[in-house]
Amino acid sequence: MNTNAATLRVAVFPQANAVTDALLVLAGAGLVAACAQISVKLPFTPVPITGQTFAVVLVGASLGAIRGSASLLLYLCLGVAGAPIYAHHDSGWSVITSASGGYIVGFLVAAAVTGALAERGWDKRFSSSVGAMLTGNVVIYLIGLPWLAVVLNTNLEKTLEYGL
């Protein structure tokens, strides 16, 4: 294992090919789908608390910007196509156009950002790893919260109460 590699993917598979990359992208989408099922629906918000955000930043940091965002694009597309992989085994375009949709779109961007930070060495020390992961979470909220506000037609206070 190369401890100076840009990402975990490069450390474990330094000579990866298209098949390896495809399997890693599929595994990343699978991890996010599995973590989506770790879900708690709260009575005061339409957006469940899930394990997805953890999986999203982990996939981004492990696979890098391109492969990480490809994993989340695959996740998004499979869910829209009808695979029951979103929280509570939901699927379809209706999830994307719901209050939760912005968070799912934000996952794609967050994986890319977290992956780019990891490729620049932010995953080498605990403090910068935490910074990269928090940055990914902020990206998710920067996309998810305005989406939630538009879908639910809420003010800032209610949006933060429902979605943060």
N, C-alpha and C. Protein backbone atom coordinates (compact mmCIF):
# COMPACT_ATOMS: atom_id res chain seq x y z
N MET A 1 0.85 -1.18 0.00
CA MET A 1 0.00 0.00 0.00
C MET A 1 0.89 1.24 0.00
N ASN A 2 0.57 2.18 -0.85
CA ASN A 2 1.30 3.43 -0.96
C ASN A 2 0.72 4.44 0.02
N THR A 3 1.45 4.77 1.07
CA THR A 3 0.94 5.70 2.09
C THR A 3 1.00 7.15 1.64
N ASN A 4 1.67 7.45 0.55
CA ASN A 4 1.74 8.82 0.03
C ASN A 4 0.77 9.06 -1.12
N ALA A 5 -0.14 8.12 -1.36
CA ALA A 5 -1.07 8.22 -2.48
C ALA A 5 -2.06 9.36 -2.26
N ALA A 6 -2.60 9.85 -3.38
CA ALA A 6 -3.54 10.97 -3.32
C ALA A 6 -4.84 10.60 -2.61
N THR A 7 -5.35 9.40 -2.83
CA THR A 7 -6.58 8.95 -2.18
C THR A 7 -6.42 7.48 -1.79
N LEU A 8 -7.37 6.99 -1.04
CA LEU A 8 -7.36 5.58 -0.65
C LEU A 8 -7.42 4.69 -1.87
N ARG A 9 -8.19 5.06 -2.87
CA ARG A 9 -8.28 4.28 -4.10
C ARG A 9 -6.90 4.11 -4.73
N VAL A 10 -6.13 5.16 -4.82
CA VAL A 10 -4.79 5.10 -5.40
C VAL A 10 -3.86 4.28 -4.51
N ALA A 11 -4.03 4.38 -3.21
CA ALA A 11 -3.18 3.61 -2.28
C ALA A 11 -3.42 2.12 -2.41
N VAL A 12 -4.67 1.72 -2.56
CA VAL A 12 -5.01 0.30 -2.62
C VAL A 12 -4.89 -0.25 -4.04
N PHE A 13 -5.29 0.54 -5.03
CA PHE A 13 -5.25 0.11 -6.43
C PHE A 13 -4.45 1.10 -7.26
N PRO A 14 -3.12 1.10 -7.13
CA PRO A 14 -2.32 2.10 -7.84
C PRO A 14 -2.36 1.95 -9.37
N GLN A 15 -2.58 0.75 -9.85
CA GLN A 15 -2.62 0.51 -11.30
C GLN A 15 -4.04 0.14 -11.73
N ALA A 16 -5.01 0.85 -11.25
CA ALA A 16 -6.41 0.52 -11.54
C ALA A 16 -6.71 0.68 -13.02
N ASN A 17 -7.67 -0.11 -13.48
CA ASN A 17 -8.13 -0.02 -14.87
C ASN A 17 -9.61 0.33 -14.87
N ALA A 18 -10.22 0.32 -16.04
CA ALA A 18 -11.62 0.71 -16.16
C ALA A 18 -12.54 -0.22 -15.37
N VAL A 19 -12.23 -1.50 -15.36
CA VAL A 19 -13.06 -2.46 -14.62
C VAL A 19 -12.97 -2.18 -13.12
N THR A 20 -11.77 -1.97 -12.62
CA THR A 20 -11.58 -1.66 -11.20
C THR A 20 -12.32 -0.38 -10.84
N ASP A 21 -12.16 0.64 -11.66
CA ASP A 21 -12.84 1.91 -11.40
C ASP A 21 -14.36 1.74 -11.41
N ALA A 22 -14.89 0.97 -12.36
CA ALA A 22 -16.34 0.74 -12.42
C ALA A 22 -16.82 0.02 -11.17
N LEU A 23 -16.06 -0.96 -10.71
CA LEU A 23 -16.44 -1.69 -9.50
C LEU A 23 -16.40 -0.79 -8.27
N LEU A 24 -15.40 0.09 -8.21
CA LEU A 24 -15.31 1.02 -7.08
C LEU A 24 -16.46 2.03 -7.09
N VAL A 25 -16.81 2.52 -8.27
CA VAL A 25 -17.94 3.45 -8.39
C VAL A 25 -19.23 2.74 -7.97
N LEU A 26 -19.41 1.51 -8.40
CA LEU A 26 -20.59 0.73 -8.01
C LEU A 26 -20.60 0.49 -6.50
N ALA A 27 -19.44 0.15 -5.94
CA ALA A 27 -19.35 -0.07 -4.49
C ALA A 27 -19.67 1.22 -3.72
N GLY A 28 -19.20 2.36 -4.21
CA GLY A 28 -19.50 3.64 -3.57
C GLY A 28 -20.99 3.92 -3.57
N ALA A 29 -21.65 3.69 -4.71
CA ALA A 29 -23.10 3.89 -4.79
C ALA A 29 -23.81 2.92 -3.85
N GLY A 30 -23.31 1.69 -3.77
CA GLY A 30 -23.90 0.70 -2.88
C GLY A 30 -23.77 1.08 -1.42
N LEU A 31 -22.62 1.63 -1.05
CA LEU A 31 -22.42 2.06 0.33
C LEU A 31 -23.41 3.17 0.70
N VAL A 32 -23.56 4.13 -0.18
CA VAL A 32 -24.51 5.22 0.08
C VAL A 32 -25.93 4.67 0.18
N ALA A 33 -26.29 3.75 -0.72
CA ALA A 33 -27.63 3.15 -0.69
C ALA A 33 -27.86 2.39 0.62
N ALA A 34 -26.85 1.66 1.07
CA ALA A 34 -26.98 0.92 2.33
C ALA A 34 -27.12 1.88 3.51
N CYS A 35 -26.33 2.92 3.52
CA CYS A 35 -26.38 3.89 4.62
C CYS A 35 -27.66 4.72 4.58
N ALA A 36 -28.30 4.82 3.42
CA ALA A 36 -29.59 5.52 3.33
C ALA A 36 -30.66 4.79 4.15
N GLN A 37 -30.47 3.49 4.33
CA GLN A 37 -31.47 2.71 5.07
C GLN A 37 -31.30 2.86 6.58
N ILE A 38 -30.19 3.45 6.99
CA ILE A 38 -30.04 3.84 8.40
C ILE A 38 -30.73 5.20 8.49
N SER A 39 -31.99 5.17 8.82
CA SER A 39 -32.82 6.37 8.67
C SER A 39 -33.77 6.52 9.85
N VAL A 40 -33.87 7.76 10.31
CA VAL A 40 -34.79 8.09 11.40
C VAL A 40 -35.71 9.19 10.89
N LYS A 41 -36.99 8.88 10.83
CA LYS A 41 -37.98 9.87 10.41
C LYS A 41 -38.49 10.59 11.65
N LEU A 42 -38.30 11.90 11.67
CA LEU A 42 -38.74 12.71 12.80
C LEU A 42 -40.10 13.34 12.48
N PRO A 43 -40.96 13.49 13.48
CA PRO A 43 -42.32 13.99 13.22
C PRO A 43 -42.38 15.46 12.78
N PHE A 44 -41.37 16.25 13.08
CA PHE A 44 -41.45 17.68 12.78
C PHE A 44 -40.78 18.09 11.47
N THR A 45 -40.25 17.12 10.71
CA THR A 45 -39.58 17.46 9.47
C THR A 45 -39.84 16.41 8.40
N PRO A 46 -39.94 16.83 7.13
CA PRO A 46 -40.13 15.86 6.05
C PRO A 46 -38.82 15.20 5.61
N VAL A 47 -37.69 15.66 6.15
CA VAL A 47 -36.38 15.15 5.75
C VAL A 47 -35.86 14.23 6.86
N PRO A 48 -35.68 12.94 6.56
CA PRO A 48 -35.18 12.03 7.59
C PRO A 48 -33.70 12.24 7.88
N ILE A 49 -33.28 11.83 9.04
CA ILE A 49 -31.85 11.80 9.37
C ILE A 49 -31.35 10.44 8.92
N THR A 50 -30.29 10.44 8.10
CA THR A 50 -29.80 9.17 7.56
C THR A 50 -28.28 9.06 7.71
N GLY A 51 -27.78 7.90 7.40
CA GLY A 51 -26.34 7.66 7.37
C GLY A 51 -25.71 8.06 6.06
N GLN A 52 -26.51 8.60 5.15
CA GLN A 52 -26.01 8.94 3.82
C GLN A 52 -24.89 9.97 3.84
N THR A 53 -25.04 11.01 4.64
CA THR A 53 -24.04 12.08 4.59
C THR A 53 -22.66 11.54 4.96
N PHE A 54 -22.60 10.65 5.94
CA PHE A 54 -21.33 10.01 6.29
C PHE A 54 -20.80 9.24 5.09
N ALA A 55 -21.65 8.45 4.45
CA ALA A 55 -21.21 7.64 3.32
C ALA A 55 -20.76 8.52 2.15
N VAL A 56 -21.46 9.61 1.91
CA VAL A 56 -21.13 10.50 0.79
C VAL A 56 -19.72 11.07 0.94
N VAL A 57 -19.41 11.60 2.11
CA VAL A 57 -18.08 12.20 2.29
C VAL A 57 -16.99 11.11 2.33
N LEU A 58 -17.32 9.95 2.85
CA LEU A 58 -16.37 8.83 2.85
C LEU A 58 -16.08 8.36 1.43
N VAL A 59 -17.10 8.23 0.62
CA VAL A 59 -16.91 7.83 -0.78
C VAL A 59 -16.09 8.87 -1.52
N GLY A 60 -16.43 10.14 -1.34
CA GLY A 60 -15.67 11.20 -2.00
C GLY A 60 -14.21 11.19 -1.60
N ALA A 61 -13.95 11.11 -0.31
CA ALA A 61 -12.56 11.13 0.18
C ALA A 61 -11.80 9.88 -0.24
N SER A 62 -12.46 8.75 -0.30
CA SER A 62 -11.79 7.50 -0.64
C SER A 62 -11.53 7.34 -2.12
N LEU A 63 -12.49 7.76 -2.95
CA LEU A 63 -12.38 7.53 -4.39
C LEU A 63 -11.88 8.73 -5.17
N GLY A 64 -11.88 9.91 -4.57
CA GLY A 64 -11.46 11.10 -5.28
C GLY A 64 -12.65 11.79 -5.93
N ALA A 65 -12.39 12.93 -6.52
CA ALA A 65 -13.45 13.78 -7.05
C ALA A 65 -14.23 13.11 -8.19
N ILE A 66 -13.54 12.56 -9.17
CA ILE A 66 -14.22 12.00 -10.34
C ILE A 66 -14.99 10.74 -9.99
N ARG A 67 -14.31 9.77 -9.39
CA ARG A 67 -14.96 8.50 -9.07
C ARG A 67 -16.01 8.67 -7.97
N GLY A 68 -15.72 9.54 -7.00
CA GLY A 68 -16.69 9.80 -5.94
C GLY A 68 -17.97 10.41 -6.48
N SER A 69 -17.83 11.42 -7.31
CA SER A 69 -19.03 12.04 -7.87
C SER A 69 -19.73 11.10 -8.85
N ALA A 70 -18.96 10.24 -9.54
CA ALA A 70 -19.58 9.24 -10.42
C ALA A 70 -20.42 8.26 -9.60
N SER A 71 -19.94 7.89 -8.42
CA SER A 71 -20.71 7.01 -7.54
C SER A 71 -22.03 7.64 -7.15
N LEU A 72 -21.99 8.93 -6.82
CA LEU A 72 -23.22 9.60 -6.40
C LEU A 72 -24.14 9.89 -7.58
N LEU A 73 -23.59 10.10 -8.76
CA LEU A 73 -24.42 10.25 -9.95
C LEU A 73 -25.12 8.92 -10.24
N LEU A 74 -24.40 7.82 -10.11
CA LEU A 74 -25.00 6.50 -10.29
C LEU A 74 -26.11 6.28 -9.26
N TYR A 75 -25.84 6.62 -8.01
CA TYR A 75 -26.84 6.50 -6.94
C TYR A 75 -28.10 7.30 -7.28
N LEU A 76 -27.91 8.55 -7.68
CA LEU A 76 -29.04 9.41 -8.03
C LEU A 76 -29.82 8.81 -9.19
N CYS A 77 -29.13 8.38 -10.24
CA CYS A 77 -29.81 7.85 -11.43
C CYS A 77 -30.53 6.53 -11.16
N LEU A 78 -29.91 5.65 -10.39
CA LEU A 78 -30.56 4.38 -10.06
C LEU A 78 -31.84 4.63 -9.26
N GLY A 79 -31.78 5.56 -8.32
CA GLY A 79 -32.96 5.88 -7.53
C GLY A 79 -34.07 6.48 -8.37
N VAL A 80 -33.71 7.39 -9.27
CA VAL A 80 -34.71 8.00 -10.15
C VAL A 80 -35.32 6.94 -11.07
N ALA A 81 -34.50 5.98 -11.50
CA ALA A 81 -34.97 4.93 -12.40
C ALA A 81 -35.89 3.92 -11.71
N GLY A 82 -35.97 3.98 -10.39
CA GLY A 82 -36.91 3.11 -9.70
C GLY A 82 -36.30 2.14 -8.70
N ALA A 83 -34.98 2.09 -8.60
CA ALA A 83 -34.36 1.21 -7.60
C ALA A 83 -34.66 1.78 -6.21
N PRO A 84 -35.14 0.97 -5.29
CA PRO A 84 -35.55 1.47 -3.96
C PRO A 84 -34.35 1.70 -3.04
N ILE A 85 -33.52 2.66 -3.40
CA ILE A 85 -32.25 2.86 -2.69
C ILE A 85 -32.19 4.13 -1.87
N TYR A 86 -33.19 4.99 -1.99
CA TYR A 86 -33.20 6.18 -1.17
C TYR A 86 -33.69 5.81 0.23
N ALA A 87 -33.66 6.75 1.16
CA ALA A 87 -34.10 6.48 2.53
C ALA A 87 -35.50 5.86 2.53
N HIS A 88 -35.71 4.93 3.44
CA HIS A 88 -36.98 4.21 3.58
C HIS A 88 -37.35 3.44 2.31
N HIS A 89 -36.34 3.03 1.54
CA HIS A 89 -36.53 2.27 0.29
C HIS A 89 -37.37 3.03 -0.73
N ASP A 90 -37.33 4.35 -0.67
CA ASP A 90 -38.04 5.16 -1.66
C ASP A 90 -37.25 5.19 -2.96
N SER A 91 -37.93 5.58 -4.03
CA SER A 91 -37.29 5.74 -5.33
C SER A 91 -38.15 6.64 -6.20
N GLY A 92 -37.62 6.99 -7.35
CA GLY A 92 -38.38 7.74 -8.33
C GLY A 92 -38.10 9.23 -8.35
N TRP A 93 -38.58 9.84 -9.42
CA TRP A 93 -38.40 11.27 -9.63
C TRP A 93 -39.08 12.09 -8.53
N SER A 94 -40.14 11.53 -7.95
CA SER A 94 -40.88 12.26 -6.90
C SER A 94 -40.00 12.52 -5.68
N VAL A 95 -39.02 11.67 -5.42
CA VAL A 95 -38.10 11.91 -4.30
C VAL A 95 -37.21 13.10 -4.61
N ILE A 96 -36.73 13.18 -5.85
CA ILE A 96 -35.85 14.28 -6.24
C ILE A 96 -36.60 15.61 -6.21
N THR A 97 -37.87 15.61 -6.55
CA THR A 97 -38.63 16.85 -6.55
C THR A 97 -39.25 17.14 -5.19
N SER A 98 -38.97 16.30 -4.20
CA SER A 98 -39.49 16.51 -2.85
C SER A 98 -38.52 17.35 -2.03
N ALA A 99 -38.85 17.52 -0.78
CA ALA A 99 -38.01 18.29 0.14
C ALA A 99 -36.63 17.66 0.31
N SER A 100 -36.51 16.37 0.13
CA SER A 100 -35.22 15.67 0.27
C SER A 100 -34.35 15.75 -0.98
N GLY A 101 -34.93 16.11 -2.10
CA GLY A 101 -34.22 16.07 -3.38
C GLY A 101 -32.96 16.91 -3.43
N GLY A 102 -32.99 18.06 -2.82
CA GLY A 102 -31.82 18.93 -2.84
C GLY A 102 -30.63 18.33 -2.12
N TYR A 103 -30.91 17.57 -1.09
CA TYR A 103 -29.83 16.91 -0.37
C TYR A 103 -29.19 15.84 -1.25
N ILE A 104 -30.01 15.11 -1.99
CA ILE A 104 -29.48 14.07 -2.88
C ILE A 104 -28.65 14.69 -3.99
N VAL A 105 -29.11 15.78 -4.56
CA VAL A 105 -28.31 16.49 -5.57
C VAL A 105 -27.04 17.04 -4.92
N GLY A 106 -27.16 17.54 -3.71
CA GLY A 106 -26.00 18.04 -2.97
C GLY A 106 -24.96 16.96 -2.70
N PHE A 107 -25.41 15.71 -2.57
CA PHE A 107 -24.46 14.60 -2.36
C PHE A 107 -23.45 14.51 -3.48
N LEU A 108 -23.93 14.68 -4.70
CA LEU A 108 -23.05 14.59 -5.86
C LEU A 108 -21.95 15.66 -5.78
N VAL A 109 -22.33 16.88 -5.50
CA VAL A 109 -21.36 17.97 -5.40
C VAL A 109 -20.44 17.78 -4.20
N ALA A 110 -21.01 17.34 -3.08
CA ALA A 110 -20.21 17.13 -1.86
C ALA A 110 -19.15 16.05 -2.06
N ALA A 111 -19.50 14.98 -2.76
CA ALA A 111 -18.51 13.93 -3.04
C ALA A 111 -17.38 14.47 -3.90
N ALA A 112 -17.72 15.30 -4.87
CA ALA A 112 -16.69 15.89 -5.73
C ALA A 112 -15.77 16.82 -4.93
N VAL A 113 -16.35 17.65 -4.09
CA VAL A 113 -15.56 18.60 -3.29
C VAL A 113 -14.69 17.86 -2.28
N THR A 114 -15.28 16.91 -1.55
CA THR A 114 -14.52 16.14 -0.57
C THR A 114 -13.42 15.35 -1.25
N GLY A 115 -13.73 14.78 -2.42
CA GLY A 115 -12.71 14.05 -3.18
C GLY A 115 -11.58 14.94 -3.65
N ALA A 116 -11.92 16.13 -4.11
CA ALA A 116 -10.88 17.08 -4.55
C ALA A 116 -9.98 17.48 -3.38
N LEU A 117 -10.58 17.70 -2.22
CA LEU A 117 -9.77 18.04 -1.04
C LEU A 117 -8.87 16.88 -0.64
N ALA A 118 -9.39 15.66 -0.72
CA ALA A 118 -8.57 14.48 -0.40
C ALA A 118 -7.42 14.35 -1.39
N GLU A 119 -7.66 14.61 -2.65
CA GLU A 119 -6.61 14.54 -3.66
C GLU A 119 -5.52 15.57 -3.41
N ARG A 120 -5.85 16.62 -2.69
CA ARG A 120 -4.88 17.66 -2.35
C ARG A 120 -4.25 17.43 -0.98
N GLY A 121 -4.48 16.26 -0.40
CA GLY A 121 -3.81 15.88 0.84
C GLY A 121 -4.56 16.17 2.11
N TRP A 122 -5.80 16.62 2.02
CA TRP A 122 -6.56 16.95 3.22
C TRP A 122 -6.91 15.71 4.04
N ASP A 123 -6.78 14.55 3.46
CA ASP A 123 -7.11 13.31 4.18
C ASP A 123 -5.90 12.71 4.89
N LYS A 124 -4.80 13.40 4.91
CA LYS A 124 -3.56 12.86 5.50
C LYS A 124 -3.45 13.08 7.01
N ARG A 125 -4.10 14.11 7.52
CA ARG A 125 -4.07 14.39 8.97
C ARG A 125 -5.50 14.43 9.49
N PHE A 126 -5.66 14.09 10.74
CA PHE A 126 -7.00 14.05 11.33
C PHE A 126 -7.70 15.40 11.22
N SER A 127 -7.01 16.47 11.58
CA SER A 127 -7.65 17.79 11.58
C SER A 127 -8.10 18.21 10.19
N SER A 128 -7.28 18.00 9.18
CA SER A 128 -7.70 18.39 7.84
C SER A 128 -8.73 17.41 7.27
N SER A 129 -8.69 16.15 7.69
CA SER A 129 -9.74 15.20 7.28
C SER A 129 -11.10 15.65 7.79
N VAL A 130 -11.13 16.05 9.05
CA VAL A 130 -12.38 16.56 9.63
C VAL A 130 -12.83 17.80 8.85
N GLY A 131 -11.89 18.66 8.51
CA GLY A 131 -12.22 19.84 7.72
C GLY A 131 -12.80 19.50 6.36
N ALA A 132 -12.23 18.50 5.70
CA ALA A 132 -12.74 18.07 4.39
C ALA A 132 -14.15 17.50 4.52
N MET A 133 -14.35 16.68 5.54
CA MET A 133 -15.66 16.07 5.75
C MET A 133 -16.71 17.13 6.11
N LEU A 134 -16.35 18.07 6.96
CA LEU A 134 -17.28 19.15 7.31
C LEU A 134 -17.59 20.02 6.10
N THR A 135 -16.59 20.27 5.27
CA THR A 135 -16.82 21.03 4.04
C THR A 135 -17.83 20.32 3.15
N GLY A 136 -17.68 19.01 3.02
CA GLY A 136 -18.65 18.22 2.26
C GLY A 136 -20.06 18.34 2.83
N ASN A 137 -20.18 18.30 4.14
CA ASN A 137 -21.49 18.44 4.78
C ASN A 137 -22.08 19.83 4.54
N VAL A 138 -21.24 20.86 4.60
CA VAL A 138 -21.72 22.22 4.34
C VAL A 138 -22.24 22.32 2.91
N VAL A 139 -21.56 21.70 1.97
CA VAL A 139 -22.01 21.71 0.57
C VAL A 139 -23.39 21.07 0.45
N ILE A 140 -23.59 19.96 1.14
CA ILE A 140 -24.89 19.29 1.11
C ILE A 140 -25.98 20.25 1.60
N TYR A 141 -25.72 20.93 2.69
CA TYR A 141 -26.72 21.86 3.24
C TYR A 141 -26.90 23.10 2.36
N LEU A 142 -25.83 23.57 1.72
CA LEU A 142 -25.94 24.74 0.84
C LEU A 142 -26.86 24.48 -0.35
N ILE A 143 -26.96 23.23 -0.74
CA ILE A 143 -27.87 22.87 -1.84
C ILE A 143 -29.21 22.39 -1.29
N GLY A 144 -29.18 21.58 -0.24
CA GLY A 144 -30.40 20.99 0.31
C GLY A 144 -31.35 21.98 0.96
N LEU A 145 -30.81 22.92 1.71
CA LEU A 145 -31.69 23.86 2.43
C LEU A 145 -32.48 24.79 1.51
N PRO A 146 -31.84 25.43 0.53
CA PRO A 146 -32.65 26.27 -0.37
C PRO A 146 -33.69 25.45 -1.15
N TRP A 147 -33.31 24.23 -1.54
CA TRP A 147 -34.25 23.35 -2.25
C TRP A 147 -35.45 23.07 -1.35
N LEU A 148 -35.19 22.74 -0.10
CA LEU A 148 -36.25 22.49 0.87
C LEU A 148 -37.14 23.71 1.02
N ALA A 149 -36.54 24.89 1.11
CA ALA A 149 -37.31 26.14 1.27
C ALA A 149 -38.23 26.38 0.08
N VAL A 150 -37.75 26.11 -1.12
CA VAL A 150 -38.57 26.32 -2.32
C VAL A 150 -39.71 25.30 -2.36
N VAL A 151 -39.39 24.03 -2.11
CA VAL A 151 -40.41 22.98 -2.18
C VAL A 151 -41.50 23.20 -1.13
N LEU A 152 -41.11 23.57 0.08
CA LEU A 152 -42.07 23.74 1.17
C LEU A 152 -42.58 25.17 1.31
N ASN A 153 -41.98 26.10 0.55
CA ASN A 153 -42.33 27.51 0.64
C ASN A 153 -42.23 28.02 2.09
N THR A 154 -41.06 27.82 2.68
CA THR A 154 -40.85 28.21 4.08
C THR A 154 -39.88 29.38 4.17
N ASN A 155 -39.95 30.08 5.30
CA ASN A 155 -39.00 31.15 5.56
C ASN A 155 -37.70 30.56 6.09
N LEU A 156 -36.72 31.40 6.34
CA LEU A 156 -35.41 30.94 6.78
C LEU A 156 -35.49 30.17 8.09
N GLU A 157 -36.23 30.69 9.05
CA GLU A 157 -36.34 30.03 10.36
C GLU A 157 -36.92 28.62 10.25
N LYS A 158 -38.02 28.48 9.51
CA LYS A 158 -38.65 27.18 9.35
C LYS A 158 -37.76 26.24 8.53
N THR A 159 -37.09 26.78 7.52
CA THR A 159 -36.19 25.97 6.71
C THR A 159 -35.09 25.38 7.56
N LEU A 160 -34.48 26.19 8.40
CA LEU A 160 -33.42 25.69 9.27
C LEU A 160 -33.97 24.68 10.29
N GLU A 161 -35.15 24.92 10.79
CA GLU A 161 -35.78 23.99 11.73
C GLU A 161 -36.05 22.64 11.06
N TYR A 162 -36.57 22.66 9.85
CA TYR A 162 -36.91 21.43 9.14
C TYR A 162 -35.70 20.69 8.59
N GLY A 163 -34.70 21.45 8.12
CA GLY A 163 -33.65 20.82 7.33
C GLY A 163 -32.27 20.79 7.89
N LEU A 164 -32.03 21.47 9.01
CA LEU A 164 -30.68 21.51 9.58
C LEU A 164 -30.72 20.81 10.91
